[in-house]
C-alpha atoms as a PDB file:
ATOM      1  CA  MET A   1      27.316  -1.091   5.703  1.00  0.00           C
ATOM      2  CA  LYS A   2      27.563  -4.414   3.891  1.00  0.00           C
ATOM      3  CA  ASP A   3      30.951  -5.966   4.584  1.00  0.00           C
ATOM      4  CA  THR A   4      30.351  -9.635   3.812  1.00  0.00           C
ATOM      5  CA  TYR A   5      30.090 -11.568   0.563  1.00  0.00           C
ATOM      6  CA  HIS A   6      29.805 -15.157  -0.605  1.00  0.00           C
ATOM      7  CA  THR A   7      32.362 -16.922  -2.760  1.00  0.00           C
ATOM      8  CA  ILE A   8      33.795 -20.412  -3.210  1.00  0.00           C
ATOM      9  CA  SER A   9      36.577 -21.673  -0.975  1.00  0.00           C
ATOM     10  CA  ALA A  10      38.408 -23.789  -3.569  1.00  0.00           C
ATOM     11  CA  PRO A  11      38.270 -24.792  -7.245  1.00  0.00           C
ATOM     12  CA  ALA A  12      35.403 -27.034  -8.334  1.00  0.00           C
ATOM     13  CA  GLU A  13      34.472 -28.870 -11.523  1.00  0.00           C
ATOM     14  CA  GLY A  14      31.219 -29.684 -13.287  1.00  0.00           C
ATOM     15  CA  GLU A  15      30.116 -31.443 -16.463  1.00  0.00           C
ATOM     16  CA  PHE A  16      27.195 -31.551 -18.878  1.00  0.00           C
ATOM     17  CA  ARG A  17      26.694 -33.597 -22.048  1.00  0.00           C
ATOM     18  CA  ASP A  18      24.255 -33.096 -24.905  1.00  0.00           C
ATOM     19  CA  ARG A  19      24.119 -34.904 -28.253  1.00  0.00           C
ATOM     20  CA  GLY A  20      27.771 -35.818 -28.191  1.00  0.00           C
ATOM     21  CA  SER A  21      29.077 -32.428 -27.066  1.00  0.00           C
ATOM     22  CA  LYS A  22      30.856 -32.362 -23.727  1.00  0.00           C
ATOM     23  CA  PHE A  23      30.934 -29.255 -21.546  1.00  0.00           C
ATOM     24  CA  LEU A  24      33.493 -29.203 -18.726  1.00  0.00           C
ATOM     25  CA  ALA A  25      33.133 -26.373 -16.217  1.00  0.00           C
ATOM     26  CA  TYR A  26      35.944 -25.169 -13.963  1.00  0.00           C
ATOM     27  CA  ALA A  27      35.129 -22.721 -11.164  1.00  0.00           C
ATOM     28  CA  PHE A  28      37.831 -20.814  -9.281  1.00  0.00           C
ATOM     29  CA  PRO A  29      37.966 -18.283  -6.438  1.00  0.00           C
ATOM     30  CA  VAL A  30      39.699 -15.138  -7.759  1.00  0.00           C
ATOM     31  CA  SER A  31      40.264 -11.572  -6.618  1.00  0.00           C
ATOM     32  CA  SER A  32      41.997  -9.843  -9.533  1.00  0.00           C
ATOM     33  CA  GLN A  33      42.482  -9.745 -13.290  1.00  0.00           C
ATOM     34  CA  GLU A  34      45.799 -11.530 -12.867  1.00  0.00           C
ATOM     35  CA  ASP A  35      44.031 -14.354 -11.017  1.00  0.00           C
ATOM     36  CA  TRP A  36      41.392 -15.112 -13.637  1.00  0.00           C
ATOM     37  CA  GLN A  37      43.776 -14.693 -16.571  1.00  0.00           C
ATOM     38  CA  ALA A  38      46.159 -17.210 -14.996  1.00  0.00           C
ATOM     39  CA  ARG A  39      43.297 -19.672 -14.433  1.00  0.00           C
ATOM     40  CA  LEU A  40      42.076 -19.252 -18.018  1.00  0.00           C
ATOM     41  CA  GLU A  41      45.546 -19.948 -19.381  1.00  0.00           C
ATOM     42  CA  GLU A  42      45.815 -22.975 -17.100  1.00  0.00           C
ATOM     43  CA  VAL A  43      42.575 -24.452 -18.465  1.00  0.00           C
ATOM     44  CA  ARG A  44      43.491 -23.655 -22.071  1.00  0.00           C
ATOM     45  CA  LYS A  45      46.774 -25.510 -21.660  1.00  0.00           C
ATOM     46  CA  ALA A  46      44.962 -28.485 -20.127  1.00  0.00           C
ATOM     47  CA  HIS A  47      42.470 -28.601 -23.034  1.00  0.00           C
ATOM     48  CA  PRO A  48      44.322 -27.418 -26.148  1.00  0.00           C
ATOM     49  CA  LYS A  49      42.060 -29.395 -28.513  1.00  0.00           C
ATOM     50  CA  ALA A  50      38.771 -28.065 -27.184  1.00  0.00           C
ATOM     51  CA  ARG A  51      36.777 -25.966 -29.643  1.00  0.00           C
ATOM     52  CA  HIS A  52      35.746 -23.300 -27.130  1.00  0.00           C
ATOM     53  CA  HIS A  53      36.924 -21.971 -23.752  1.00  0.00           C
ATOM     54  CA  CYS A  54      34.029 -19.719 -22.730  1.00  0.00           C
ATOM     55  CA  PHE A  55      34.137 -17.878 -19.427  1.00  0.00           C
ATOM     56  CA  ALA A  56      32.681 -15.311 -17.069  1.00  0.00           C
ATOM     57  CA  PHE A  57      33.606 -13.738 -13.761  1.00  0.00           C
ATOM     58  CA  ARG A  58      32.363 -11.283 -11.191  1.00  0.00           C
ATOM     59  CA  ILE A  59      34.798  -9.618  -8.778  1.00  0.00           C
ATOM     60  CA  GLY A  60      34.294  -7.133  -5.963  1.00  0.00           C
ATOM     61  CA  MET A  61      31.538  -5.961  -3.654  1.00  0.00           C
ATOM     62  CA  ASP A  62      29.803  -3.488  -5.973  1.00  0.00           C
ATOM     63  CA  GLY A  63      29.278  -5.969  -8.817  1.00  0.00           C
ATOM     64  CA  ALA A  64      30.723  -3.601 -11.413  1.00  0.00           C
ATOM     65  CA  ASN A  65      33.771  -5.733 -12.269  1.00  0.00           C
ATOM     66  CA  TYR A  66      32.505  -8.551 -14.480  1.00  0.00           C
ATOM     67  CA  ARG A  67      32.930 -10.039 -17.912  1.00  0.00           C
ATOM     68  CA  ALA A  68      31.236 -12.659 -20.087  1.00  0.00           C
ATOM     69  CA  ASN A  69      33.070 -14.137 -23.083  1.00  0.00           C
ATOM     70  CA  ASP A  70      31.537 -16.446 -25.720  1.00  0.00           C
ATOM     71  CA  ASP A  71      34.884 -17.436 -27.304  1.00  0.00           C
ATOM     72  CA  GLY A  72      33.402 -18.019 -30.747  1.00  0.00           C
ATOM     73  CA  GLU A  73      30.024 -19.395 -29.721  1.00  0.00           C
ATOM     74  CA  PRO A  74      26.954 -17.450 -30.969  1.00  0.00           C
ATOM     75  CA  SER A  75      26.630 -14.153 -29.101  1.00  0.00           C
ATOM     76  CA  GLY A  76      24.973 -14.478 -25.708  1.00  0.00           C
ATOM     77  CA  THR A  77      24.883 -18.287 -25.644  1.00  0.00           C
ATOM     78  CA  ALA A  78      27.885 -19.012 -23.417  1.00  0.00           C
ATOM     79  CA  GLY A  79      29.400 -16.217 -21.335  1.00  0.00           C
ATOM     80  CA  ARG A  80      26.067 -14.747 -20.246  1.00  0.00           C
ATOM     81  CA  PRO A  81      24.614 -18.076 -19.052  1.00  0.00           C
ATOM     82  CA  ILE A  82      27.827 -18.711 -17.104  1.00  0.00           C
ATOM     83  CA  LEU A  83      27.647 -15.263 -15.489  1.00  0.00           C
ATOM     84  CA  GLY A  84      23.959 -15.791 -14.820  1.00  0.00           C
ATOM     85  CA  GLN A  85      24.727 -18.835 -12.700  1.00  0.00           C
ATOM     86  CA  ILE A  86      27.424 -17.009 -10.731  1.00  0.00           C
ATOM     87  CA  ASP A  87      24.795 -14.373  -9.954  1.00  0.00           C
ATOM     88  CA  SER A  88      22.061 -16.934  -9.306  1.00  0.00           C
ATOM     89  CA  PHE A  89      24.232 -18.492  -6.595  1.00  0.00           C
ATOM     90  CA  GLY A  90      24.809 -15.015  -5.123  1.00  0.00           C
ATOM     91  CA  LEU A  91      28.578 -15.182  -5.563  1.00  0.00           C
ATOM     92  CA  THR A  92      31.392 -12.775  -6.260  1.00  0.00           C
ATOM     93  CA  ASN A  93      35.173 -13.169  -6.640  1.00  0.00           C
ATOM     94  CA  VAL A  94      34.427 -16.201  -8.805  1.00  0.00           C
ATOM     95  CA  PHE A  95      35.700 -17.134 -12.273  1.00  0.00           C
ATOM     96  CA  VAL A  96      34.190 -19.957 -14.325  1.00  0.00           C
ATOM     97  CA  VAL A  97      35.496 -21.278 -17.626  1.00  0.00           C
ATOM     98  CA  VAL A  98      33.578 -23.907 -19.584  1.00  0.00           C
ATOM     99  CA  VAL A  99      35.443 -26.030 -22.104  1.00  0.00           C
ATOM    100  CA  ARG A 100      33.412 -27.456 -24.990  1.00  0.00           C
ATOM    101  CA  TYR A 101      34.293 -30.498 -27.036  1.00  0.00           C
ATOM    102  CA  PHE A 102      32.042 -30.524 -30.110  1.00  0.00           C
ATOM    103  CA  GLY A 103      30.135 -33.749 -30.674  1.00  0.00           C
ATOM    104  CA  GLY A 104      29.212 -33.244 -34.317  1.00  0.00           C
ATOM    105  CA  THR A 105      25.645 -32.023 -33.811  1.00  0.00           C
ATOM    106  CA  LEU A 106      24.667 -28.359 -33.633  1.00  0.00           C
ATOM    107  CA  LEU A 107      22.743 -27.641 -30.448  1.00  0.00           C
ATOM    108  CA  GLY A 108      21.084 -24.390 -31.449  1.00  0.00           C
ATOM    109  CA  THR A 109      20.829 -21.232 -29.378  1.00  0.00           C
ATOM    110  CA  SER A 110      18.618 -22.636 -26.625  1.00  0.00           C
ATOM    111  CA  GLY A 111      20.647 -25.845 -26.448  1.00  0.00           C
ATOM    112  CA  LEU A 112      23.900 -23.941 -26.015  1.00  0.00           C
ATOM    113  CA  ILE A 113      22.442 -21.659 -23.351  1.00  0.00           C
ATOM    114  CA  GLN A 114      21.205 -24.649 -21.361  1.00  0.00           C
ATOM    115  CA  ALA A 115      24.503 -26.502 -21.758  1.00  0.00           C
ATOM    116  CA  TYR A 116      26.648 -23.635 -20.476  1.00  0.00           C
ATOM    117  CA  LYS A 117      24.125 -22.896 -17.725  1.00  0.00           C
ATOM    118  CA  ASN A 118      23.887 -26.509 -16.541  1.00  0.00           C
ATOM    119  CA  SER A 119      27.617 -27.225 -16.614  1.00  0.00           C
ATOM    120  CA  THR A 120      28.317 -24.070 -14.603  1.00  0.00           C
ATOM    121  CA  ALA A 121      25.550 -24.887 -12.129  1.00  0.00           C
ATOM    122  CA  ASP A 122      26.997 -28.375 -11.668  1.00  0.00           C
ATOM    123  CA  ALA A 123      30.421 -26.950 -10.784  1.00  0.00           C
ATOM    124  CA  LEU A 124      29.011 -24.366  -8.372  1.00  0.00           C
ATOM    125  CA  GLN A 125      26.744 -26.930  -6.701  1.00  0.00           C
ATOM    126  CA  LYS A 126      29.816 -29.050  -6.020  1.00  0.00           C
ATOM    127  CA  ALA A 127      31.817 -26.090  -4.688  1.00  0.00           C
ATOM    128  CA  THR A 128      32.007 -25.157  -1.027  1.00  0.00           C
ATOM    129  CA  ILE A 129      30.397 -21.737  -0.662  1.00  0.00           C
ATOM    130  CA  VAL A 130      31.725 -19.574   2.162  1.00  0.00           C
ATOM    131  CA  GLU A 131      30.976 -16.163   3.611  1.00  0.00           C
ATOM    132  CA  LYS A 132      33.908 -13.752   3.656  1.00  0.00           C
ATOM    133  CA  ILE A 133      34.267 -10.617   5.741  1.00  0.00           C
ATOM    134  CA  VAL A 134      35.708  -7.471   4.155  1.00  0.00           C
ATOM    135  CA  MET A 135      38.547  -6.106   6.258  1.00  0.00           C
ATOM    136  CA  ASP A 136      40.326  -2.746   6.279  1.00  0.00           C
ATOM    137  CA  ARG A 137      44.069  -2.951   6.920  1.00  0.00           C
ATOM    138  CA  PHE A 138      46.255  -0.416   8.677  1.00  0.00           C
ATOM    139  CA  ARG A 139      49.906  -0.026   9.609  1.00  0.00           C
ATOM    140  CA  LEU A 140      50.655   1.402  13.047  1.00  0.00           C
ATOM    141  CA  SER A 141      54.178   2.851  12.977  1.00  0.00           C
ATOM    142  CA  PHE A 142      55.627   4.080  16.246  1.00  0.00           C
ATOM    143  CA  GLU A 143      58.717   4.972  18.202  1.00  0.00           C
ATOM    144  CA  TYR A 144      59.486   2.807  21.193  1.00  0.00           C
ATOM    145  CA  GLN A 145      57.982   5.129  23.789  1.00  0.00           C
ATOM    146  CA  TRP A 146      54.625   4.207  22.230  1.00  0.00           C
ATOM    147  CA  LEU A 147      55.211   0.438  22.350  1.00  0.00           C
ATOM    148  CA  SER A 148      53.358  -0.269  25.586  1.00  0.00           C
ATOM    149  CA  PRO A 149      50.237   1.854  24.919  1.00  0.00           C
ATOM    150  CA  VAL A 150      49.993   0.576  21.332  1.00  0.00           C
ATOM    151  CA  MET A 151      50.283  -3.087  22.300  1.00  0.00           C
ATOM    152  CA  ASN A 152      47.868  -2.663  25.198  1.00  0.00           C
ATOM    153  CA  ALA A 153      45.321  -0.958  22.934  1.00  0.00           C
ATOM    154  CA  VAL A 154      45.596  -3.625  20.236  1.00  0.00           C
ATOM    155  CA  LYS A 155      45.140  -6.343  22.847  1.00  0.00           C
ATOM    156  CA  LYS A 156      42.213  -4.649  24.591  1.00  0.00           C
ATOM    157  CA  LEU A 157      40.371  -4.066  21.304  1.00  0.00           C
ATOM    158  CA  GLU A 158      41.188  -7.625  20.163  1.00  0.00           C
ATOM    159  CA  LEU A 159      42.459  -6.363  16.813  1.00  0.00           C
ATOM    160  CA  GLN A 160      43.786  -8.879  14.322  1.00  0.00           C
ATOM    161  CA  ILE A 161      47.570  -8.605  13.942  1.00  0.00           C
ATOM    162  CA  ASP A 162      48.741  -9.551  10.442  1.00  0.00           C
ATOM    163  CA  HIS A 163      52.411  -8.666  10.788  1.00  0.00           C
ATOM    164  CA  GLN A 164      54.689  -6.946  13.253  1.00  0.00           C
ATOM    165  CA  GLN A 165      58.281  -5.742  13.311  1.00  0.00           C
ATOM    166  CA  PHE A 166      60.347  -4.435  16.184  1.00  0.00           C
ATOM    167  CA  ASP A 167      63.724  -3.692  14.600  1.00  0.00           C
ATOM    168  CA  ASP A 168      65.093  -0.217  13.891  1.00  0.00           C
ATOM    169  CA  SER A 169      61.571   0.926  13.064  1.00  0.00           C
ATOM    170  CA  ALA A 170      58.622  -0.635  14.867  1.00  0.00           C
ATOM    171  CA  PHE A 171      55.266  -1.232  13.217  1.00  0.00           C
ATOM    172  CA  ILE A 172      52.215  -3.460  13.454  1.00  0.00           C
ATOM    173  CA  ASP A 173      49.871  -4.293  10.572  1.00  0.00           C
ATOM    174  CA  ILE A 174      46.305  -4.822  11.753  1.00  0.00           C
ATOM    175  CA  SER A 175      42.975  -5.748  10.158  1.00  0.00           C
ATOM    176  CA  ILE A 176      39.572  -4.434  11.234  1.00  0.00           C
ATOM    177  CA  ARG A 177      36.173  -5.524   9.985  1.00  0.00           C
ATOM    178  CA  LYS A 178      35.036  -2.787   7.596  1.00  0.00           C
ATOM    179  CA  SER A 179      31.796  -2.007   9.417  1.00  0.00           C
ATOM    180  CA  ASP A 180      33.762  -1.623  12.682  1.00  0.00           C
ATOM    181  CA  THR A 181      36.600   0.505  11.302  1.00  0.00           C
ATOM    182  CA  GLU A 182      35.368   3.975  12.254  1.00  0.00           C
ATOM    183  CA  THR A 183      34.555   3.015  15.848  1.00  0.00           C
ATOM    184  CA  LYS A 184      37.655   0.877  16.375  1.00  0.00           C
ATOM    185  CA  MET A 185      40.009   3.555  15.045  1.00  0.00           C
ATOM    186  CA  LEU A 186      38.601   6.135  17.446  1.00  0.00           C
ATOM    187  CA  GLU A 187      38.912   3.679  20.329  1.00  0.00           C
ATOM    188  CA  LEU A 188      42.476   2.865  19.296  1.00  0.00           C
ATOM    189  CA  LYS A 189      43.519   6.515  19.179  1.00  0.00           C
ATOM    190  CA  SER A 190      41.909   7.299  22.536  1.00  0.00           C
ATOM    191  CA  LEU A 191      43.595   4.327  24.225  1.00  0.00           C
ATOM    192  CA  VAL A 192      47.032   5.050  22.765  1.00  0.00           C
ATOM    193  CA  ALA A 193      46.808   8.762  23.596  1.00  0.00           C
ATOM    194  CA  GLY A 194      45.302   8.097  27.012  1.00  0.00           C
ATOM    195  CA  VAL A 195      42.285  10.359  26.499  1.00  0.00           C
ATOM    196  CA  HIS A 196      38.528   9.895  26.747  1.00  0.00           C
ATOM    197  CA  LEU A 197      36.819   8.433  23.685  1.00  0.00           C
ATOM    198  CA  GLU A 198      34.877  11.641  22.981  1.00  0.00           C
ATOM    199  CA  GLU A 199      38.197  13.495  22.687  1.00  0.00           C
ATOM    200  CA  ALA A 200      39.609  11.141  20.028  1.00  0.00           C
ATOM    201  CA  PRO A 201      38.090  12.924  16.984  1.00  0.00           C
ATOM    202  CA  THR A 202      39.859  16.146  17.947  1.00  0.00           C
ATOM    203  CA  LEU A 203      43.279  14.591  18.534  1.00  0.00           C
ATOM    204  CA  GLY A 204      45.980  16.247  16.508  1.00  0.00           C
ATOM    205  CA  GLU A 205      49.281  14.774  15.377  1.00  0.00           C
ATOM    206  CA  MET A 206      50.882  12.369  17.844  1.00  0.00           C
ATOM    207  CA  PRO A 207      54.675  12.680  17.360  1.00  0.00           C
ATOM    208  CA  GLY A 208      56.252   9.257  17.022  1.00  0.00           C
ATOM    209  CA  PHE A 209      52.959   7.492  16.299  1.00  0.00           C
ATOM    210  CA  ASP A 210      51.349   7.212  12.872  1.00  0.00           C
ATOM    211  CA  ILE A 211      48.469   5.294  11.292  1.00  0.00           C
ATOM    212  CA  LYS A 212      48.261   4.645   7.552  1.00  0.00           C
ATOM    213  CA  GLU A 213      45.754   2.559   5.639  1.00  0.00           C
ATOM    214  CA  ILE A 214      47.237  -0.315   3.642  1.00  0.00           C
ATOM    215  CA  LYS A 215      45.683  -0.406   0.180  1.00  0.00           C
END
């Protein structure tokens, strides 16, 4: 199961010039529609006099969440070349917007494609590319008689603790690498219940102890 992907760690900028036209590329790490829309608005406000604000993004592991927008440029000359570079670099969860200041000379279809491609490539070449691990998150809710076995199990399995609360209701939020989730959850249940690992799949309800996935 693939549970890693490559993205950029921080915003990056690139530039390309051709016959007086200036193309400024801004690349951002994003993970949602709200993220890229906010970044687009940010760039539009920074460049209100630019003729075009063309963009593309790809989000998610399956590659199905993407968009390419030409923002008034001839169809296929801006958004697609931008998206093509995101894909060429093997990235996801990335949004790139390219701002064009017109220089007075028409560049033609091939000229525009190269300009949007090269400006995007410049930004992505300057970005720091990182590998991210996809994690599944769970909340372990329990009554206090389960505190010791739960904490011991979490420690023994070296699970990542994201948040914990021990007030009126006790819970721990944990993260597990996606490819390890099935195995780790069985190990967790067997340790908390005090049974052999092969018995974990048949465990019924454990009163006072509950596991729910955090979406």
